[in-house]
């Protein structure tokens, strides 16, 4: 995963270096900015460690956490740029003290976030992860996201078979009990993790209610994925939603059509690859269940004109 997360880590490290340089050049409020500089240096050390370990980092937790850190560093740099002698006055002094305190809080939160990311992504030599207490700041408002990110990171590193099996069971349980968890997994899984996630969702297709259309919408979006394996698994999973074995197959078939899958499926069915047959099978399946949908019949008419070998 180094190829996808390394550029954003390099950008964050460069930004941290610029903030430290700017704090050294600041002409006013040196005392406040010296304190901020210490926090920035600590964050920069962690970002450099993350850059070194980039091949072990799961993409979406990394993107989320580093984007927060970058925003904090950008804000710090923007304020530092204003610290020139001509701006020295009482009003701005009041603003500066307040702003520097906010910067310290935000930097400390980012330090905790990146520390958590490194902990779950780079276990110790015995394959165990250090136990950290409490939620990292990025997850305070959404503990579910934190738990899924943690399980994703552990599954991605896959240091111990027992850990991987236990993590997979936990993800399966969460996806089965809460459709939103399943949706987060699909939205945030990188290519390495998407395939097992999609397979998991497909196997749980019969547990989703007719009203759980958001999961189907996420799977339909994957019909445009560039990876053929992810694409094929998405088609197979959608077929399990539309299968007559599924009690809500008619409702799910309607949801698949309404999510815009029909046109994309005809495009896939015209390709000369292994995706062609699964795409046609799904098309036929939803056509049988929702024949009143005009776009489905149009698509099948186009499919009937396709040459097959």
Protein backbone atom coordinates (compact mmCIF):
# COMPACT_ATOMS: atom_id res chain seq x y z
CA UNK A 1 0.00 0.00 0.00
CA UNK A 2 3.06 2.22 0.00
CA UNK A 3 2.33 3.52 -3.50
CA UNK A 4 -1.03 4.99 -2.47
CA UNK A 5 -0.27 6.43 0.98
CA UNK A 6 3.37 7.44 0.54
CA UNK A 7 2.62 10.66 -1.42
CA UNK A 8 0.24 12.00 1.25
CA UNK A 9 2.74 11.16 3.98
CA UNK A 10 5.54 12.93 2.10
CA UNK A 11 3.28 15.97 1.73
CA UNK A 12 2.48 15.97 5.46
CA UNK A 13 6.16 15.64 6.42
CA UNK A 14 7.13 18.51 4.11
CA UNK A 15 4.39 20.63 5.62
CA UNK A 16 5.62 19.88 9.14
CA UNK A 17 9.14 20.96 8.16
CA UNK A 18 7.77 24.23 6.76
CA UNK A 19 5.87 24.92 10.00
CA UNK A 20 9.03 24.43 12.07
CA UNK A 21 11.00 26.73 9.75
CA UNK A 22 8.26 29.36 9.97
CA UNK A 23 8.21 29.16 13.78
CA UNK A 24 11.97 29.78 13.82
CA UNK A 25 11.49 32.89 11.69
CA UNK A 26 8.52 34.32 13.59
CA UNK A 27 9.23 37.79 15.02
CA UNK A 28 6.35 38.06 17.46
CA UNK A 29 4.86 35.82 20.17
CA UNK A 30 8.02 33.72 20.20
CA UNK A 31 7.18 32.18 23.56
CA UNK A 32 3.82 30.85 22.39
CA UNK A 33 5.21 29.56 19.12
CA UNK A 34 8.15 27.84 20.79
CA UNK A 35 5.62 25.72 22.68
CA UNK A 36 3.71 24.99 19.48
CA UNK A 37 6.99 24.11 17.76
CA UNK A 38 7.66 21.34 20.30
CA UNK A 39 4.29 19.76 19.45
CA UNK A 40 4.93 20.08 15.73
CA UNK A 41 8.32 18.38 16.13
CA UNK A 42 6.67 15.48 17.96
CA UNK A 43 4.03 15.16 15.24
CA UNK A 44 6.72 15.36 12.56
CA UNK A 45 8.66 12.49 14.19
CA UNK A 46 5.53 10.33 14.08
CA UNK A 47 4.80 11.26 10.47
CA UNK A 48 8.35 10.29 9.50
CA UNK A 49 7.88 6.93 11.24
CA UNK A 50 4.64 6.46 9.33
CA UNK A 51 6.44 7.27 6.09
CA UNK A 52 9.08 4.65 6.85
CA UNK A 53 6.36 2.10 7.61
CA UNK A 54 4.09 3.15 4.73
CA UNK A 55 4.02 -0.36 3.23
CA UNK A 56 2.29 -1.59 6.41
CA UNK A 57 -0.37 1.12 6.54
CA UNK A 58 -3.97 0.43 5.60
CA UNK A 59 -5.00 3.08 3.07
CA UNK A 60 -8.25 4.60 4.32
CA UNK A 61 -7.46 4.97 8.04
CA UNK A 62 -4.16 6.51 6.94
CA UNK A 63 -5.81 8.96 4.53
CA UNK A 64 -8.35 10.00 7.17
CA UNK A 65 -5.83 10.56 9.95
CA UNK A 66 -3.14 12.22 7.83
CA UNK A 67 -5.69 14.58 6.25
CA UNK A 68 -6.60 15.77 9.76
CA UNK A 69 -2.93 16.28 10.63
CA UNK A 70 -2.32 18.18 7.38
CA UNK A 71 -5.27 20.49 8.07
CA UNK A 72 -3.84 21.33 11.51
CA UNK A 73 -0.38 21.99 10.07
CA UNK A 74 -1.83 24.15 7.28
CA UNK A 75 -3.69 26.23 9.84
CA UNK A 76 -0.53 26.62 11.92
CA UNK A 77 1.46 27.71 8.89
CA UNK A 78 -1.20 30.22 7.84
CA UNK A 79 -1.17 31.85 11.28
CA UNK A 80 2.63 31.86 11.46
CA UNK A 81 2.82 33.68 8.14
CA UNK A 82 0.98 36.56 9.79
CA UNK A 83 3.48 36.85 12.64
CA UNK A 84 5.35 39.88 11.35
CA UNK A 85 6.44 42.97 13.33
CA UNK A 86 3.89 45.24 11.67
CA UNK A 87 1.04 43.15 13.10
CA UNK A 88 2.12 43.64 16.70
CA UNK A 89 -0.84 45.20 18.50
CA UNK A 90 -3.05 44.45 21.46
CA UNK A 91 -6.03 43.07 19.54
CA UNK A 92 -3.89 40.60 17.62
CA UNK A 93 -2.10 39.63 20.83
CA UNK A 94 -5.41 38.47 22.29
CA UNK A 95 -6.19 36.52 19.13
CA UNK A 96 -2.69 35.01 19.08
CA UNK A 97 -2.84 33.64 22.62
CA UNK A 98 -6.22 32.08 21.91
CA UNK A 99 -5.12 30.69 18.57
CA UNK A 100 -1.89 29.19 19.89
CA UNK A 101 -3.83 27.37 22.60
CA UNK A 102 -6.19 25.93 20.00
CA UNK A 103 -3.22 24.89 17.89
CA UNK A 104 -1.72 23.03 20.85
CA UNK A 105 -4.95 21.11 21.40
CA UNK A 106 -5.31 20.20 17.73
CA UNK A 107 -1.68 19.18 17.41
CA UNK A 108 -1.95 16.96 20.49
CA UNK A 109 -5.02 15.29 18.98
CA UNK A 110 -3.15 14.62 15.75
CA UNK A 111 -0.21 13.21 17.71
CA UNK A 112 -2.56 10.74 19.41
CA UNK A 113 -4.23 9.87 16.09
CA UNK A 114 -0.94 9.11 14.32
CA UNK A 115 0.34 7.19 17.36
CA UNK A 116 -2.78 5.01 17.19
CA UNK A 117 -2.30 4.45 13.45
CA UNK A 118 1.30 3.34 13.96
CA UNK A 119 0.31 1.06 16.82
CA UNK A 120 -2.38 -0.86 14.94
CA UNK A 121 -0.37 -0.98 11.72
CA UNK A 122 3.05 -1.98 13.03
CA UNK A 123 2.76 -4.64 15.77
CA UNK A 124 5.73 -5.63 17.88
CA UNK A 125 8.01 -8.58 17.13
CA UNK A 126 5.66 -11.06 18.83
CA UNK A 127 2.83 -9.94 16.53
CA UNK A 128 0.87 -8.25 19.30
CA UNK A 129 -0.49 -4.72 19.27
CA UNK A 130 0.12 -2.42 22.22
CA UNK A 131 -3.06 -1.83 24.18
CA UNK A 132 -3.97 1.87 24.08
CA UNK A 133 -6.58 3.27 26.43
CA UNK A 134 -9.52 5.33 25.22
CA UNK A 135 -10.64 6.37 21.77
CA UNK A 136 -8.32 8.34 19.50
CA UNK A 137 -9.65 11.88 18.92
CA UNK A 138 -10.72 11.22 15.31
CA UNK A 139 -13.23 8.63 16.58
CA UNK A 140 -14.75 10.50 19.52
CA UNK A 141 -17.88 11.33 17.55
CA UNK A 142 -18.03 7.97 15.77
CA UNK A 143 -16.72 5.03 17.83
CA UNK A 144 -17.98 2.58 15.19
CA UNK A 145 -15.60 4.06 12.63
CA UNK A 146 -12.71 3.63 15.07
CA UNK A 147 -13.51 -0.03 15.69
CA UNK A 148 -13.81 -0.82 11.99
CA UNK A 149 -10.58 1.04 11.19
CA UNK A 150 -8.79 -0.90 13.92
CA UNK A 151 -10.06 -4.25 12.64
CA UNK A 152 -9.21 -3.26 9.06
CA UNK A 153 -5.65 -2.39 10.05
CA UNK A 154 -5.17 -5.64 11.97
CA UNK A 155 -6.59 -7.68 9.10
CA UNK A 156 -4.39 -5.79 6.64
CA UNK A 157 -1.18 -6.52 8.54
CA UNK A 158 -2.25 -10.14 9.13
CA UNK A 159 0.68 -10.81 11.44
CA UNK A 160 -0.88 -13.76 13.24
CA UNK A 161 -3.33 -16.26 11.77
CA UNK A 162 -5.33 -16.30 15.00
CA UNK A 163 -5.59 -12.50 14.95
CA UNK A 164 -6.72 -12.54 11.32
CA UNK A 165 -9.39 -15.18 11.98
CA UNK A 166 -10.69 -13.39 15.05
CA UNK A 167 -10.73 -10.07 13.19
CA UNK A 168 -12.63 -11.59 10.27
CA UNK A 169 -15.20 -13.01 12.69
CA UNK A 170 -15.58 -9.61 14.36
CA UNK A 171 -16.09 -7.86 11.01
CA UNK A 172 -18.61 -10.48 9.95
CA UNK A 173 -20.56 -10.01 13.18
CA UNK A 174 -20.55 -6.22 12.84
CA UNK A 175 -21.64 -6.34 9.20
CA UNK A 176 -24.44 -8.76 10.04
CA UNK A 177 -25.74 -6.77 13.01
CA UNK A 178 -25.43 -3.28 11.55
CA UNK A 179 -25.83 -2.44 7.82
CA UNK A 180 -23.99 0.84 8.38
CA UNK A 181 -20.89 -1.10 9.43
CA UNK A 182 -21.03 -3.09 6.21
CA UNK A 183 -21.37 0.14 4.25
CA UNK A 184 -18.31 1.64 5.98
CA UNK A 185 -16.28 -1.47 5.15
CA UNK A 186 -17.10 -1.19 1.46
CA UNK A 187 -16.53 2.58 1.38
CA UNK A 188 -13.20 2.39 3.17
CA UNK A 189 -11.65 -0.86 2.04
CA UNK A 190 -8.62 -0.64 -0.23
CA UNK A 191 -8.14 -3.13 -3.07
CA UNK A 192 -6.38 -5.63 -0.81
CA UNK A 193 -9.28 -5.69 1.66
CA UNK A 194 -12.21 -5.01 -0.67
CA UNK A 195 -12.43 -8.52 -2.08
CA UNK A 196 -12.87 -10.29 1.30
CA UNK A 197 -15.25 -7.51 2.41
CA UNK A 198 -17.39 -7.88 -0.70
CA UNK A 199 -17.41 -11.65 -0.35
CA UNK A 200 -18.47 -11.21 3.27
CA UNK A 201 -21.32 -8.87 2.31
CA UNK A 202 -22.46 -11.27 -0.42
CA UNK A 203 -22.55 -14.15 2.05
CA UNK A 204 -24.67 -12.00 4.36
CA UNK A 205 -27.06 -10.90 1.59
CA UNK A 206 -29.98 -12.83 3.06
CA UNK A 207 -29.64 -10.99 6.38
CA UNK A 208 -30.24 -7.52 4.88
CA UNK A 209 -33.73 -6.06 5.04
CA UNK A 210 -35.59 -4.64 2.05
CA UNK A 211 -34.97 -1.14 3.39
CA UNK A 212 -31.18 -1.58 3.54
CA UNK A 213 -30.63 -0.10 0.09
CA UNK A 214 -27.47 1.83 0.99
CA UNK A 215 -25.44 -1.38 0.95
CA UNK A 216 -26.65 -2.19 -2.56
CA UNK A 217 -25.81 1.35 -3.69
CA UNK A 218 -22.23 0.88 -2.47
CA UNK A 219 -21.91 -2.42 -4.34
CA UNK A 220 -23.29 -0.86 -7.53
CA UNK A 221 -20.66 1.90 -7.28
CA UNK A 222 -18.02 -0.84 -7.34
CA UNK A 223 -19.20 -1.85 -10.82
CA UNK A 224 -16.98 0.97 -12.00
CA UNK A 225 -13.92 -0.21 -10.08
CA UNK A 226 -10.71 -0.55 -12.10
CA UNK A 227 -9.68 -3.86 -10.52
CA UNK A 228 -11.33 -6.81 -12.36
CA UNK A 229 -11.34 -9.03 -9.26
CA UNK A 230 -13.15 -6.39 -7.21
CA UNK A 231 -15.56 -5.89 -10.11
CA UNK A 232 -16.34 -9.58 -10.38
CA UNK A 233 -16.88 -9.98 -6.63
CA UNK A 234 -19.27 -7.01 -6.65
CA UNK A 235 -21.34 -8.65 -9.41
CA UNK A 236 -21.40 -11.97 -7.53
CA UNK A 237 -22.47 -10.22 -4.31
CA UNK A 238 -25.27 -8.33 -6.09
CA UNK A 239 -26.44 -11.59 -7.65
CA UNK A 240 -26.83 -13.04 -4.16
CA UNK A 241 -29.04 -10.09 -3.26
CA UNK A 242 -31.19 -10.66 -6.37
CA UNK A 243 -31.27 -14.46 -6.14
CA UNK A 244 -34.68 -16.14 -5.59
CA UNK A 245 -33.12 -17.75 -2.51
CA UNK A 246 -33.20 -14.30 -0.91
CA UNK A 247 -36.59 -13.53 0.67
CA UNK A 248 -36.34 -9.86 -0.35
CA UNK A 249 -34.98 -10.59 -3.84
CA UNK A 250 -37.65 -8.50 -5.59
CA UNK A 251 -37.00 -5.46 -3.39
CA UNK A 252 -33.25 -5.88 -3.77
CA UNK A 253 -33.57 -6.27 -7.56
CA UNK A 254 -35.50 -3.00 -7.75
CA UNK A 255 -32.84 -1.31 -5.60
CA UNK A 256 -30.09 -2.60 -7.91
CA UNK A 257 -31.85 -1.14 -10.96
CA UNK A 258 -32.65 2.15 -9.23
CA UNK A 259 -28.99 2.48 -8.21
CA UNK A 260 -28.10 2.59 -11.91
CA UNK A 261 -26.62 -0.88 -12.36
CA UNK A 262 -28.42 -1.83 -15.59
CA UNK A 263 -26.46 0.30 -18.04
CA UNK A 264 -23.13 -0.55 -16.45
CA UNK A 265 -23.95 -4.26 -16.58
CA UNK A 266 -24.65 -4.14 -20.32
CA UNK A 267 -21.26 -2.48 -20.81
CA UNK A 268 -19.62 -5.26 -18.83
CA UNK A 269 -21.55 -7.97 -20.67
CA UNK A 270 -20.09 -6.74 -23.95
CA UNK A 271 -16.51 -7.20 -22.76
CA UNK A 272 -14.60 -10.26 -23.84
CA UNK A 273 -13.49 -11.32 -20.38
CA UNK A 274 -14.52 -13.51 -17.46
CA UNK A 275 -16.76 -10.71 -16.12
CA UNK A 276 -19.11 -11.04 -19.10
CA UNK A 277 -21.06 -14.13 -17.98
CA UNK A 278 -21.60 -13.05 -14.33
CA UNK A 279 -22.81 -9.65 -15.60
CA UNK A 280 -25.36 -11.29 -17.92
CA UNK A 281 -26.50 -13.65 -15.15
CA UNK A 282 -27.21 -10.69 -12.88
CA UNK A 283 -29.01 -8.85 -15.69
CA UNK A 284 -31.26 -11.81 -16.38
CA UNK A 285 -31.91 -12.30 -12.68
CA UNK A 286 -33.13 -8.75 -12.08
CA UNK A 287 -35.09 -8.75 -15.36
CA UNK A 288 -37.10 -11.76 -14.19
CA UNK A 289 -37.92 -10.12 -10.87
CA UNK A 290 -38.63 -6.56 -12.05
CA UNK A 291 -39.80 -6.85 -15.69
CA UNK A 292 -41.81 -3.65 -15.28
CA UNK A 293 -38.60 -1.63 -15.18
CA UNK A 294 -38.26 -0.20 -18.67
CA UNK A 295 -34.50 0.29 -18.46
CA UNK A 296 -34.02 -3.41 -17.71
CA UNK A 297 -35.89 -4.50 -20.82
CA UNK A 298 -33.95 -2.00 -22.94
CA UNK A 299 -30.71 -3.37 -21.58
CA UNK A 300 -31.71 -6.97 -22.26
CA UNK A 301 -32.69 -6.06 -25.81
CA UNK A 302 -29.22 -4.60 -26.31
CA UNK A 303 -27.67 -7.68 -24.73
CA UNK A 304 -29.53 -9.97 -27.12
CA UNK A 305 -27.79 -8.24 -30.02
CA UNK A 306 -24.32 -8.83 -28.59
CA UNK A 307 -22.23 -11.49 -30.41
CA UNK A 308 -21.19 -14.40 -28.21
CA UNK A 309 -18.40 -16.84 -28.80
